[in-house]
Every structure is written in C-alpha cells, then in structure tokens.
Amino acid sequence: MYPKSSVTRFGHVVEWSLALGLRRSARGAMFVLLLAGGGCLHSHRAALERVPLVPAGERPLARRLAGADLVVTATLAKTERDWRYEEPCGVLRSLMYGCADIPKAYQATLRRGGETWPVFYFKLGDLPHPAVGDSAVWLLRQGAVFHLLECAQRSGMTSAYCSYDLAYVVESDDDVLPAATWQEVSELLRNLGQPSVPNP
C-alpha cells in the first residue's frame, strides 16, 4: 500500500459528495439508484460471505475486494478536474468559511496496453496522489456521480432533478494498492469469486 503520508485521504470526500447528491436528487432518480444498488448488493453477497474463510490477516483486504465491482492493474494515464461534479463555493461561504473543504472532482483514465477504464475520484486540496503515471492495482466501485453544480443551480427552481452519471469511482486511498501486490490480490479474488481484469 502507498505510504499514508503521500496518498490523499479521499474516501470520506466521496461519501460526502454522493450523499449530498442523493439528498438533492428527485424521487425518480432515487428509485432508479436503489434498484441499481440492490443488484450490486446482491452480486457482492456471495463474496462477502466467503471473507471469513480466508486467513485472518488477509480479511481487511478481502473485505474491500468483496465490495469492488472491478479490480484492475493499470496506470493513471490522464486526469483532469471537472467542475460540473463539484459543489460551488458561493461568495457568502467563501467569506465565512473558505472553500478549502470542498472536494475537487476529477475524471481520469486508467490504461493498460490498449485497454482503458474511465474513473472518477475526489480529493481535498492539491495533494500529489493519485497522479498521472501512478501504476497500481485499482479497486473500483460503480456509483452515481452527481452534477453538483447543476444541483445547486436548480435548487431555487421548480424542478429538483439533479442529473448524474453512473461510473467507476475510486472511493479511498485504501483502494489504490501497489502494482506488486497483484499476485496476492488475484489469489484473493479467485477465492472470493470477484471480477478482475487478468494481467496479460
């Protein structure tokens, strides 16, 4: 695992962003997400039930793997900030509290050979990771990434609908593992029956 001092702690940021988006979404969108979430929970249940069967020292990693929708070894080939997925910082908030605690949204591309995977992640400030060129084992989860800028703009309008994209999300620095751990990870994935993209 990367040293904690050099990796952005962005797990709580993702949870905060997704929760904020859910509160602002319409009931119809919530219903769709609940149906999609129900399918994900069902697909992970068997893997979660196998976690107690692995050695005790491997269970924390096994638990994270059991909750992942896709595990892949790849390099972060491209990343760019996308303001559409960030909560705007108004003048009043800026004056009273500042904007440093608002997470920044990034769209990124993971690449391995000719294959690519688009992902989202969120982080506070300008900490160095994840960064272009980082090669790692990525534990990806599918989730709704809300257009928080649009949500804020619509809050004073009659429609409360907030659009979103379903995408792979890196939820935590604990889901970015050193590439050298792939053999251990792939063995755990086989034991859990979880999806992965095999190394060539």
N, C-alpha and C. Protein backbone atom coordinates (compact mmCIF):
# COMPACT_ATOMS: atom_id res chain seq x y z
N MET A 1 0.84 -1.18 0.00
CA MET A 1 0.00 0.00 0.00
C MET A 1 0.89 1.24 0.00
N TYR A 2 0.42 2.31 -0.60
CA TYR A 2 1.18 3.54 -0.59
C TYR A 2 1.30 4.05 0.83
N PRO A 3 2.42 4.75 1.15
CA PRO A 3 2.51 5.35 2.49
C PRO A 3 1.37 6.32 2.70
N LYS A 4 0.79 6.31 3.90
CA LYS A 4 -0.37 7.15 4.18
C LYS A 4 -0.04 8.63 4.00
N SER A 5 1.21 9.01 4.27
CA SER A 5 1.57 10.43 4.20
C SER A 5 1.57 10.96 2.78
N SER A 6 1.68 10.06 1.78
CA SER A 6 1.80 10.53 0.41
C SER A 6 0.54 10.32 -0.42
N VAL A 7 -0.49 9.79 0.20
CA VAL A 7 -1.72 9.50 -0.54
C VAL A 7 -2.87 10.32 -0.01
N THR A 8 -3.65 10.89 -0.90
CA THR A 8 -4.80 11.68 -0.49
C THR A 8 -5.83 10.81 0.19
N ARG A 9 -6.30 11.24 1.34
CA ARG A 9 -7.39 10.54 2.01
C ARG A 9 -8.69 11.08 1.44
N PHE A 10 -9.26 10.35 0.46
CA PHE A 10 -10.45 10.90 -0.18
C PHE A 10 -11.67 10.01 -0.05
N GLY A 11 -11.64 9.00 0.79
CA GLY A 11 -12.81 8.15 0.98
C GLY A 11 -13.99 8.91 1.53
N HIS A 12 -13.74 9.70 2.60
CA HIS A 12 -14.84 10.46 3.20
C HIS A 12 -15.36 11.53 2.25
N VAL A 13 -14.51 11.99 1.36
CA VAL A 13 -14.91 13.01 0.39
C VAL A 13 -15.93 12.44 -0.59
N VAL A 14 -15.68 11.22 -1.07
CA VAL A 14 -16.62 10.59 -1.99
C VAL A 14 -17.96 10.36 -1.31
N GLU A 15 -17.91 9.83 -0.07
CA GLU A 15 -19.16 9.58 0.65
C GLU A 15 -19.95 10.87 0.83
N TRP A 16 -19.25 11.94 1.18
CA TRP A 16 -19.92 13.24 1.38
C TRP A 16 -20.53 13.73 0.08
N SER A 17 -19.79 13.63 -1.02
CA SER A 17 -20.27 14.11 -2.31
C SER A 17 -21.48 13.32 -2.79
N LEU A 18 -21.41 12.00 -2.66
CA LEU A 18 -22.52 11.18 -3.11
C LEU A 18 -23.75 11.39 -2.23
N ALA A 19 -23.54 11.52 -0.92
CA ALA A 19 -24.68 11.76 -0.03
C ALA A 19 -25.34 13.09 -0.33
N LEU A 20 -24.54 14.11 -0.59
CA LEU A 20 -25.09 15.43 -0.93
C LEU A 20 -25.92 15.34 -2.20
N GLY A 21 -25.40 14.62 -3.20
CA GLY A 21 -26.14 14.48 -4.44
C GLY A 21 -27.43 13.73 -4.25
N LEU A 22 -27.40 12.68 -3.43
CA LEU A 22 -28.62 11.91 -3.20
C LEU A 22 -29.69 12.74 -2.52
N ARG A 23 -29.29 13.59 -1.58
CA ARG A 23 -30.28 14.43 -0.90
C ARG A 23 -30.94 15.38 -1.86
N ARG A 24 -30.22 15.78 -2.90
CA ARG A 24 -30.76 16.78 -3.81
C ARG A 24 -31.42 16.18 -5.04
N SER A 25 -31.41 14.87 -5.17
CA SER A 25 -31.98 14.25 -6.37
C SER A 25 -33.47 14.04 -6.21
N ALA A 26 -34.12 13.85 -7.32
CA ALA A 26 -35.57 13.63 -7.32
C ALA A 26 -35.89 12.21 -6.90
N ARG A 27 -37.16 11.97 -6.52
CA ARG A 27 -37.55 10.63 -6.07
C ARG A 27 -37.37 9.60 -7.18
N GLY A 28 -37.64 9.99 -8.41
CA GLY A 28 -37.49 9.05 -9.53
C GLY A 28 -36.06 8.59 -9.67
N ALA A 29 -35.13 9.52 -9.58
CA ALA A 29 -33.71 9.16 -9.69
C ALA A 29 -33.30 8.28 -8.52
N MET A 30 -33.83 8.57 -7.33
CA MET A 30 -33.51 7.78 -6.16
C MET A 30 -33.98 6.34 -6.36
N PHE A 31 -35.19 6.18 -6.93
CA PHE A 31 -35.74 4.85 -7.15
C PHE A 31 -34.84 4.05 -8.09
N VAL A 32 -34.39 4.69 -9.17
CA VAL A 32 -33.51 4.02 -10.12
C VAL A 32 -32.22 3.59 -9.43
N LEU A 33 -31.66 4.49 -8.61
CA LEU A 33 -30.41 4.17 -7.92
C LEU A 33 -30.60 3.03 -6.93
N LEU A 34 -31.73 3.02 -6.23
CA LEU A 34 -31.98 1.95 -5.28
C LEU A 34 -32.08 0.60 -5.98
N LEU A 35 -32.72 0.59 -7.15
CA LEU A 35 -32.79 -0.66 -7.91
C LEU A 35 -31.39 -1.12 -8.32
N ALA A 36 -30.59 -0.16 -8.83
CA ALA A 36 -29.23 -0.50 -9.26
C ALA A 36 -28.40 -0.95 -8.06
N GLY A 37 -28.54 -0.24 -6.93
CA GLY A 37 -27.80 -0.60 -5.74
C GLY A 37 -28.18 -1.97 -5.22
N GLY A 38 -29.47 -2.32 -5.33
CA GLY A 38 -29.91 -3.63 -4.89
C GLY A 38 -29.22 -4.74 -5.67
N GLY A 39 -29.04 -4.53 -6.97
CA GLY A 39 -28.35 -5.52 -7.79
C GLY A 39 -26.90 -5.68 -7.38
N CYS A 40 -26.23 -4.54 -7.06
CA CYS A 40 -24.84 -4.59 -6.64
C CYS A 40 -24.70 -5.31 -5.31
N LEU A 41 -25.60 -5.02 -4.37
CA LEU A 41 -25.54 -5.67 -3.07
C LEU A 41 -25.70 -7.17 -3.22
N HIS A 42 -26.63 -7.57 -4.08
CA HIS A 42 -26.87 -8.99 -4.30
C HIS A 42 -25.63 -9.66 -4.90
N SER A 43 -24.98 -9.00 -5.86
CA SER A 43 -23.84 -9.59 -6.54
C SER A 43 -22.63 -9.71 -5.62
N HIS A 44 -22.55 -8.88 -4.58
CA HIS A 44 -21.42 -8.92 -3.66
C HIS A 44 -21.66 -9.83 -2.46
N ARG A 45 -22.90 -10.25 -2.26
CA ARG A 45 -23.23 -11.01 -1.05
C ARG A 45 -22.41 -12.30 -0.96
N ALA A 46 -22.32 -13.03 -2.07
CA ALA A 46 -21.60 -14.31 -2.04
C ALA A 46 -20.13 -14.08 -1.69
N ALA A 47 -19.52 -13.04 -2.26
CA ALA A 47 -18.11 -12.76 -1.97
C ALA A 47 -17.93 -12.36 -0.51
N LEU A 48 -18.84 -11.56 0.02
CA LEU A 48 -18.75 -11.15 1.42
C LEU A 48 -18.90 -12.34 2.36
N GLU A 49 -19.72 -13.31 1.97
CA GLU A 49 -19.90 -14.50 2.79
C GLU A 49 -18.65 -15.37 2.82
N ARG A 50 -17.77 -15.23 1.80
CA ARG A 50 -16.55 -16.03 1.76
C ARG A 50 -15.40 -15.39 2.53
N VAL A 51 -15.54 -14.11 2.91
CA VAL A 51 -14.46 -13.40 3.60
C VAL A 51 -13.99 -14.14 4.85
N PRO A 52 -14.89 -14.66 5.72
CA PRO A 52 -14.42 -15.36 6.93
C PRO A 52 -13.60 -16.62 6.63
N LEU A 53 -13.64 -17.11 5.40
CA LEU A 53 -12.92 -18.33 5.04
C LEU A 53 -11.44 -18.09 4.74
N VAL A 54 -11.05 -16.81 4.53
CA VAL A 54 -9.65 -16.51 4.23
C VAL A 54 -8.90 -16.30 5.54
N PRO A 55 -7.57 -16.42 5.54
CA PRO A 55 -6.80 -16.21 6.78
C PRO A 55 -7.11 -14.85 7.41
N ALA A 56 -7.07 -14.78 8.72
CA ALA A 56 -7.47 -13.58 9.45
C ALA A 56 -6.70 -12.33 9.01
N GLY A 57 -5.41 -12.49 8.75
CA GLY A 57 -4.59 -11.34 8.36
C GLY A 57 -4.96 -10.77 6.99
N GLU A 58 -5.63 -11.56 6.15
CA GLU A 58 -6.00 -11.11 4.81
C GLU A 58 -7.44 -10.60 4.73
N ARG A 59 -8.17 -10.68 5.83
CA ARG A 59 -9.60 -10.33 5.79
C ARG A 59 -9.88 -8.85 5.51
N PRO A 60 -9.10 -7.90 6.04
CA PRO A 60 -9.39 -6.49 5.70
C PRO A 60 -9.32 -6.24 4.19
N LEU A 61 -8.27 -6.77 3.54
CA LEU A 61 -8.16 -6.62 2.08
C LEU A 61 -9.26 -7.40 1.39
N ALA A 62 -9.55 -8.61 1.86
CA ALA A 62 -10.60 -9.43 1.25
C ALA A 62 -11.95 -8.72 1.31
N ARG A 63 -12.21 -8.04 2.43
CA ARG A 63 -13.48 -7.31 2.58
C ARG A 63 -13.58 -6.19 1.53
N ARG A 64 -12.48 -5.47 1.31
CA ARG A 64 -12.50 -4.40 0.30
C ARG A 64 -12.67 -4.98 -1.09
N LEU A 65 -12.00 -6.10 -1.35
CA LEU A 65 -12.12 -6.75 -2.66
C LEU A 65 -13.54 -7.26 -2.88
N ALA A 66 -14.16 -7.76 -1.83
CA ALA A 66 -15.53 -8.29 -1.95
C ALA A 66 -16.52 -7.18 -2.31
N GLY A 67 -16.21 -5.95 -1.94
CA GLY A 67 -17.10 -4.83 -2.25
C GLY A 67 -16.81 -4.15 -3.57
N ALA A 68 -15.72 -4.56 -4.24
CA ALA A 68 -15.35 -3.92 -5.51
C ALA A 68 -16.15 -4.49 -6.67
N ASP A 69 -16.45 -3.62 -7.64
CA ASP A 69 -17.13 -4.08 -8.86
C ASP A 69 -16.14 -4.51 -9.93
N LEU A 70 -14.91 -3.98 -9.86
CA LEU A 70 -13.87 -4.35 -10.82
C LEU A 70 -12.52 -4.08 -10.18
N VAL A 71 -11.57 -5.00 -10.38
CA VAL A 71 -10.21 -4.83 -9.88
C VAL A 71 -9.29 -4.96 -11.09
N VAL A 72 -8.42 -3.98 -11.26
CA VAL A 72 -7.56 -3.97 -12.44
C VAL A 72 -6.20 -3.36 -12.11
N THR A 73 -5.16 -3.94 -12.72
CA THR A 73 -3.82 -3.35 -12.63
C THR A 73 -3.66 -2.42 -13.83
N ALA A 74 -3.39 -1.15 -13.57
CA ALA A 74 -3.30 -0.18 -14.67
C ALA A 74 -2.54 1.05 -14.21
N THR A 75 -2.25 1.91 -15.17
CA THR A 75 -1.56 3.17 -14.92
C THR A 75 -2.54 4.32 -15.13
N LEU A 76 -2.47 5.31 -14.26
CA LEU A 76 -3.29 6.51 -14.43
C LEU A 76 -2.69 7.31 -15.58
N ALA A 77 -3.36 7.25 -16.74
CA ALA A 77 -2.82 7.85 -17.96
C ALA A 77 -3.23 9.31 -18.13
N LYS A 78 -4.36 9.68 -17.58
CA LYS A 78 -4.87 11.03 -17.79
C LYS A 78 -5.80 11.39 -16.65
N THR A 79 -5.74 12.62 -16.21
CA THR A 79 -6.68 13.09 -15.20
C THR A 79 -6.91 14.58 -15.39
N GLU A 80 -8.15 14.99 -15.22
CA GLU A 80 -8.47 16.41 -15.32
C GLU A 80 -9.62 16.76 -14.40
N ARG A 81 -9.54 17.95 -13.85
CA ARG A 81 -10.58 18.41 -12.93
C ARG A 81 -11.85 18.68 -13.72
N ASP A 82 -12.99 18.34 -13.09
CA ASP A 82 -14.28 18.57 -13.74
C ASP A 82 -15.20 19.29 -12.75
N TRP A 83 -15.38 20.58 -12.96
CA TRP A 83 -16.15 21.43 -12.06
C TRP A 83 -17.62 21.03 -11.99
N ARG A 84 -18.13 20.35 -13.01
CA ARG A 84 -19.56 20.01 -13.03
C ARG A 84 -19.96 19.13 -11.86
N TYR A 85 -19.01 18.39 -11.32
CA TYR A 85 -19.31 17.44 -10.25
C TYR A 85 -18.94 17.98 -8.86
N GLU A 86 -18.64 19.27 -8.79
CA GLU A 86 -18.25 19.89 -7.52
C GLU A 86 -19.35 20.81 -7.02
N GLU A 87 -19.47 20.85 -5.70
CA GLU A 87 -20.38 21.82 -5.09
C GLU A 87 -19.76 23.20 -5.25
N PRO A 88 -20.51 24.18 -5.79
CA PRO A 88 -19.93 25.51 -5.95
C PRO A 88 -19.73 26.21 -4.61
N CYS A 89 -18.72 27.05 -4.56
CA CYS A 89 -18.46 27.81 -3.34
C CYS A 89 -18.93 29.24 -3.59
N GLY A 90 -20.05 29.61 -2.99
CA GLY A 90 -20.60 30.94 -3.17
C GLY A 90 -19.81 32.00 -2.43
N VAL A 91 -20.14 33.24 -2.69
CA VAL A 91 -19.43 34.37 -2.09
C VAL A 91 -19.56 34.35 -0.57
N LEU A 92 -20.77 34.11 -0.07
CA LEU A 92 -21.01 34.11 1.37
C LEU A 92 -20.21 33.01 2.06
N ARG A 93 -20.25 31.81 1.50
CA ARG A 93 -19.49 30.71 2.09
C ARG A 93 -18.00 31.00 2.04
N SER A 94 -17.56 31.54 0.91
CA SER A 94 -16.15 31.86 0.75
C SER A 94 -15.68 32.83 1.83
N LEU A 95 -16.50 33.84 2.12
CA LEU A 95 -16.14 34.84 3.13
C LEU A 95 -16.20 34.27 4.55
N MET A 96 -17.20 33.42 4.82
CA MET A 96 -17.40 32.92 6.18
C MET A 96 -16.51 31.73 6.53
N TYR A 97 -16.39 30.79 5.61
CA TYR A 97 -15.70 29.54 5.93
C TYR A 97 -14.52 29.22 5.01
N GLY A 98 -14.48 29.85 3.87
CA GLY A 98 -13.49 29.48 2.87
C GLY A 98 -13.97 28.29 2.07
N CYS A 99 -13.21 27.89 1.07
CA CYS A 99 -13.63 26.82 0.16
C CYS A 99 -12.71 25.60 0.20
N ALA A 100 -11.75 25.61 1.13
CA ALA A 100 -10.76 24.54 1.15
C ALA A 100 -11.34 23.17 1.45
N ASP A 101 -12.52 23.14 2.13
CA ASP A 101 -13.10 21.85 2.50
C ASP A 101 -14.02 21.27 1.44
N ILE A 102 -14.14 21.96 0.30
CA ILE A 102 -14.97 21.44 -0.79
C ILE A 102 -14.12 20.51 -1.66
N PRO A 103 -14.53 19.25 -1.80
CA PRO A 103 -13.72 18.31 -2.58
C PRO A 103 -13.69 18.66 -4.06
N LYS A 104 -12.54 18.45 -4.67
CA LYS A 104 -12.36 18.66 -6.10
C LYS A 104 -12.64 17.35 -6.82
N ALA A 105 -13.36 17.45 -7.92
CA ALA A 105 -13.74 16.27 -8.70
C ALA A 105 -12.80 16.11 -9.89
N TYR A 106 -12.41 14.88 -10.15
CA TYR A 106 -11.51 14.58 -11.26
C TYR A 106 -12.06 13.42 -12.08
N GLN A 107 -12.02 13.58 -13.40
CA GLN A 107 -12.25 12.47 -14.31
C GLN A 107 -10.89 11.97 -14.74
N ALA A 108 -10.72 10.67 -14.73
CA ALA A 108 -9.42 10.10 -15.05
C ALA A 108 -9.58 8.90 -15.97
N THR A 109 -8.47 8.52 -16.57
CA THR A 109 -8.44 7.34 -17.43
C THR A 109 -7.34 6.41 -16.96
N LEU A 110 -7.71 5.18 -16.65
CA LEU A 110 -6.73 4.14 -16.35
C LEU A 110 -6.42 3.41 -17.65
N ARG A 111 -5.15 3.11 -17.85
CA ARG A 111 -4.75 2.45 -19.11
C ARG A 111 -3.80 1.29 -18.82
N ARG A 112 -4.01 0.21 -19.57
CA ARG A 112 -3.07 -0.90 -19.60
C ARG A 112 -3.04 -1.43 -21.00
N GLY A 113 -1.92 -1.23 -21.68
CA GLY A 113 -1.83 -1.61 -23.08
C GLY A 113 -2.86 -0.84 -23.89
N GLY A 114 -3.69 -1.55 -24.65
CA GLY A 114 -4.72 -0.89 -25.46
C GLY A 114 -6.05 -0.72 -24.74
N GLU A 115 -6.14 -1.19 -23.49
CA GLU A 115 -7.40 -1.09 -22.74
C GLU A 115 -7.42 0.14 -21.86
N THR A 116 -8.60 0.75 -21.73
CA THR A 116 -8.76 1.91 -20.86
C THR A 116 -10.04 1.77 -20.03
N TRP A 117 -10.02 2.42 -18.87
CA TRP A 117 -11.17 2.44 -17.99
C TRP A 117 -11.35 3.86 -17.46
N PRO A 118 -12.49 4.51 -17.74
CA PRO A 118 -12.74 5.84 -17.19
C PRO A 118 -13.15 5.73 -15.72
N VAL A 119 -12.60 6.60 -14.88
CA VAL A 119 -12.93 6.58 -13.45
C VAL A 119 -13.08 8.01 -12.94
N PHE A 120 -13.74 8.13 -11.79
CA PHE A 120 -13.86 9.39 -11.07
C PHE A 120 -13.17 9.24 -9.71
N TYR A 121 -12.62 10.34 -9.23
CA TYR A 121 -12.19 10.38 -7.83
C TYR A 121 -12.31 11.82 -7.34
N PHE A 122 -12.32 11.98 -6.03
CA PHE A 122 -12.46 13.29 -5.40
C PHE A 122 -11.34 13.45 -4.38
N LYS A 123 -10.81 14.66 -4.25
CA LYS A 123 -9.80 14.89 -3.22
C LYS A 123 -9.83 16.34 -2.76
N LEU A 124 -9.33 16.54 -1.57
CA LEU A 124 -9.23 17.87 -1.00
C LEU A 124 -7.85 18.44 -1.29
N GLY A 125 -7.81 19.73 -1.61
CA GLY A 125 -6.53 20.41 -1.81
C GLY A 125 -5.78 19.92 -3.03
N ASP A 126 -4.47 20.12 -2.99
CA ASP A 126 -3.61 19.79 -4.13
C ASP A 126 -2.58 18.73 -3.78
N LEU A 127 -2.99 17.74 -2.99
CA LEU A 127 -2.08 16.67 -2.62
C LEU A 127 -1.71 15.85 -3.85
N PRO A 128 -0.55 15.19 -3.82
CA PRO A 128 0.03 14.64 -5.05
C PRO A 128 -0.63 13.39 -5.64
N HIS A 129 -1.31 12.61 -4.86
CA HIS A 129 -1.85 11.35 -5.40
C HIS A 129 -3.36 11.34 -5.38
N PRO A 130 -4.00 10.61 -6.29
CA PRO A 130 -3.36 9.92 -7.42
C PRO A 130 -2.88 10.92 -8.47
N ALA A 131 -1.87 10.53 -9.20
CA ALA A 131 -1.27 11.42 -10.20
C ALA A 131 -0.98 10.63 -11.48
N VAL A 132 -0.89 11.35 -12.58
CA VAL A 132 -0.58 10.71 -13.86
C VAL A 132 0.74 9.96 -13.74
N GLY A 133 0.74 8.73 -14.21
CA GLY A 133 1.93 7.89 -14.13
C GLY A 133 1.89 6.89 -12.99
N ASP A 134 0.95 7.05 -12.04
CA ASP A 134 0.83 6.09 -10.94
C ASP A 134 0.35 4.75 -11.47
N SER A 135 1.14 3.71 -11.26
CA SER A 135 0.73 2.35 -11.61
C SER A 135 0.32 1.65 -10.34
N ALA A 136 -0.81 1.00 -10.37
CA ALA A 136 -1.35 0.40 -9.16
C ALA A 136 -2.38 -0.66 -9.49
N VAL A 137 -2.80 -1.36 -8.45
CA VAL A 137 -3.98 -2.21 -8.52
C VAL A 137 -5.14 -1.35 -8.02
N TRP A 138 -6.13 -1.13 -8.88
CA TRP A 138 -7.23 -0.23 -8.58
C TRP A 138 -8.48 -1.04 -8.24
N LEU A 139 -9.07 -0.77 -7.09
CA LEU A 139 -10.33 -1.39 -6.69
C LEU A 139 -11.43 -0.39 -7.01
N LEU A 140 -12.26 -0.70 -7.99
CA LEU A 140 -13.25 0.24 -8.50
C LEU A 140 -14.65 -0.17 -8.09
N ARG A 141 -15.45 0.84 -7.76
CA ARG A 141 -16.86 0.61 -7.43
C ARG A 141 -17.72 1.46 -8.35
N GLN A 142 -18.84 0.89 -8.79
CA GLN A 142 -19.76 1.66 -9.61
C GLN A 142 -20.67 2.47 -8.71
N GLY A 143 -20.85 3.73 -9.07
CA GLY A 143 -21.71 4.59 -8.27
C GLY A 143 -22.23 5.74 -9.09
N ALA A 144 -23.15 6.48 -8.50
CA ALA A 144 -23.71 7.67 -9.14
C ALA A 144 -22.86 8.87 -8.78
N VAL A 145 -22.40 9.58 -9.80
CA VAL A 145 -21.62 10.80 -9.58
C VAL A 145 -22.49 11.97 -10.04
N PHE A 146 -22.93 12.77 -9.09
CA PHE A 146 -23.92 13.82 -9.36
C PHE A 146 -23.29 15.11 -9.87
N HIS A 147 -24.02 15.78 -10.75
CA HIS A 147 -23.62 17.08 -11.27
C HIS A 147 -23.99 18.12 -10.20
N LEU A 148 -23.14 18.28 -9.20
CA LEU A 148 -23.48 19.11 -8.05
C LEU A 148 -23.61 20.59 -8.42
N LEU A 149 -22.88 21.03 -9.44
CA LEU A 149 -23.04 22.42 -9.88
C LEU A 149 -24.45 22.64 -10.39
N GLU A 150 -24.93 21.71 -11.20
CA GLU A 150 -26.31 21.79 -11.71
C GLU A 150 -27.31 21.68 -10.56
N CYS A 151 -27.03 20.80 -9.60
CA CYS A 151 -27.92 20.65 -8.45
C CYS A 151 -28.09 21.99 -7.74
N ALA A 152 -26.97 22.67 -7.52
CA ALA A 152 -27.01 23.95 -6.80
C ALA A 152 -27.77 25.00 -7.62
N GLN A 153 -27.58 25.00 -8.93
CA GLN A 153 -28.25 25.97 -9.77
C GLN A 153 -29.75 25.72 -9.81
N ARG A 154 -30.16 24.47 -9.70
CA ARG A 154 -31.58 24.13 -9.78
C ARG A 154 -32.30 24.23 -8.44
N SER A 155 -31.55 24.43 -7.36
CA SER A 155 -32.19 24.40 -6.03
C SER A 155 -33.24 25.48 -5.86
N GLY A 156 -33.11 26.59 -6.59
CA GLY A 156 -34.11 27.64 -6.49
C GLY A 156 -35.19 27.54 -7.55
N MET A 157 -35.13 26.51 -8.38
CA MET A 157 -36.10 26.34 -9.45
C MET A 157 -37.19 25.35 -9.03
N THR A 158 -38.20 25.22 -9.87
CA THR A 158 -39.31 24.32 -9.54
C THR A 158 -38.88 22.86 -9.62
N SER A 159 -37.98 22.51 -10.53
CA SER A 159 -37.55 21.13 -10.68
C SER A 159 -36.38 20.85 -9.74
N ALA A 160 -36.49 19.77 -8.98
CA ALA A 160 -35.42 19.40 -8.06
C ALA A 160 -34.51 18.33 -8.67
N TYR A 161 -34.76 17.97 -9.92
CA TYR A 161 -33.99 16.88 -10.52
C TYR A 161 -32.52 17.26 -10.64
N CYS A 162 -31.69 16.32 -10.30
CA CYS A 162 -30.24 16.51 -10.38
C CYS A 162 -29.67 15.38 -11.22
N SER A 163 -29.06 15.69 -12.35
CA SER A 163 -28.55 14.64 -13.23
C SER A 163 -27.27 14.03 -12.65
N TYR A 164 -26.99 12.85 -13.10
CA TYR A 164 -25.83 12.12 -12.59
C TYR A 164 -25.32 11.18 -13.67
N ASP A 165 -24.10 10.70 -13.47
CA ASP A 165 -23.51 9.70 -14.33
C ASP A 165 -23.22 8.46 -13.48
N LEU A 166 -23.47 7.30 -14.04
CA LEU A 166 -23.05 6.06 -13.39
C LEU A 166 -21.65 5.75 -13.88
N ALA A 167 -20.73 5.57 -12.96
CA ALA A 167 -19.33 5.43 -13.37
C ALA A 167 -18.55 4.65 -12.32
N TYR A 168 -17.36 4.22 -12.70
CA TYR A 168 -16.44 3.63 -11.73
C TYR A 168 -15.86 4.76 -10.89
N VAL A 169 -15.81 4.54 -9.57
CA VAL A 169 -15.31 5.55 -8.64
C VAL A 169 -14.23 4.92 -7.77
N VAL A 170 -13.12 5.64 -7.58
CA VAL A 170 -12.11 5.26 -6.60
C VAL A 170 -12.53 5.94 -5.31
N GLU A 171 -12.95 5.16 -4.32
CA GLU A 171 -13.55 5.73 -3.12
C GLU A 171 -12.54 6.08 -2.04
N SER A 172 -11.39 5.44 -2.03
CA SER A 172 -10.45 5.62 -0.92
C SER A 172 -9.04 5.31 -1.37
N ASP A 173 -8.06 5.86 -0.64
CA ASP A 173 -6.68 5.52 -0.95
C ASP A 173 -6.40 4.05 -0.63
N ASP A 174 -7.23 3.44 0.23
CA ASP A 174 -7.09 2.01 0.51
C ASP A 174 -7.46 1.17 -0.70
N ASP A 175 -8.08 1.77 -1.71
CA ASP A 175 -8.44 1.06 -2.93
C ASP A 175 -7.43 1.28 -4.05
N VAL A 176 -6.27 1.85 -3.70
CA VAL A 176 -5.17 2.03 -4.64
C VAL A 176 -3.97 1.29 -4.05
N LEU A 177 -3.73 0.08 -4.54
CA LEU A 177 -2.70 -0.78 -3.99
C LEU A 177 -1.48 -0.83 -4.89
N PRO A 178 -0.29 -1.05 -4.34
CA PRO A 178 0.91 -1.16 -5.19
C PRO A 178 0.75 -2.27 -6.23
N ALA A 179 1.25 -2.02 -7.42
CA ALA A 179 1.12 -2.99 -8.51
C ALA A 179 1.73 -4.34 -8.14
N ALA A 180 2.75 -4.33 -7.27
CA ALA A 180 3.44 -5.57 -6.88
C ALA A 180 2.55 -6.50 -6.07
N THR A 181 1.42 -6.02 -5.59
CA THR A 181 0.52 -6.86 -4.79
C THR A 181 -0.44 -7.67 -5.66
N TRP A 182 -0.32 -7.57 -6.99
CA TRP A 182 -1.32 -8.18 -7.87
C TRP A 182 -1.47 -9.69 -7.64
N GLN A 183 -0.36 -10.40 -7.42
CA GLN A 183 -0.45 -11.85 -7.24
C GLN A 183 -1.30 -12.18 -6.01
N GLU A 184 -1.04 -11.49 -4.90
CA GLU A 184 -1.83 -11.70 -3.68
C GLU A 184 -3.30 -11.33 -3.91
N VAL A 185 -3.51 -10.20 -4.59
CA VAL A 185 -4.87 -9.73 -4.86
C VAL A 185 -5.62 -10.72 -5.74
N SER A 186 -4.97 -11.19 -6.81
CA SER A 186 -5.65 -12.09 -7.74
C SER A 186 -6.02 -13.42 -7.07
N GLU A 187 -5.17 -13.88 -6.15
CA GLU A 187 -5.48 -15.11 -5.43
C GLU A 187 -6.70 -14.91 -4.54
N LEU A 188 -6.76 -13.78 -3.85
CA LEU A 188 -7.93 -13.48 -3.02
C LEU A 188 -9.19 -13.35 -3.87
N LEU A 189 -9.06 -12.71 -5.03
CA LEU A 189 -10.22 -12.56 -5.92
C LEU A 189 -10.76 -13.91 -6.36
N ARG A 190 -9.86 -14.83 -6.68
CA ARG A 190 -10.31 -16.17 -7.07
C ARG A 190 -11.07 -16.84 -5.92
N ASN A 191 -10.54 -16.68 -4.71
CA ASN A 191 -11.21 -17.29 -3.55
C ASN A 191 -12.56 -16.67 -3.28
N LEU A 192 -12.70 -15.39 -3.61
CA LEU A 192 -13.96 -14.68 -3.34
C LEU A 192 -14.93 -14.75 -4.52
N GLY A 193 -14.45 -15.18 -5.69
CA GLY A 193 -15.30 -15.20 -6.88
C GLY A 193 -15.62 -13.81 -7.40
N GLN A 194 -14.67 -12.87 -7.24
CA GLN A 194 -14.89 -11.50 -7.65
C GLN A 194 -14.30 -11.22 -9.03
N PRO A 195 -14.88 -10.23 -9.78
CA PRO A 195 -14.38 -9.92 -11.11
C PRO A 195 -13.04 -9.18 -11.07
N SER A 196 -12.22 -9.43 -12.07
CA SER A 196 -10.95 -8.70 -12.22
C SER A 196 -10.58 -8.74 -13.69
N VAL A 197 -9.61 -7.92 -14.04
CA VAL A 197 -9.07 -7.94 -15.40
C VAL A 197 -7.70 -8.57 -15.30
N PRO A 198 -7.51 -9.79 -15.83
CA PRO A 198 -6.23 -10.50 -15.68
C PRO A 198 -5.08 -9.72 -16.30
N ASN A 199 -3.90 -9.85 -15.70
CA ASN A 199 -2.70 -9.27 -16.30
C ASN A 199 -2.37 -10.04 -17.56
N PRO A 200 -1.86 -9.33 -18.59
CA PRO A 200 -1.51 -10.04 -19.82
C PRO A 200 -0.33 -10.98 -19.61
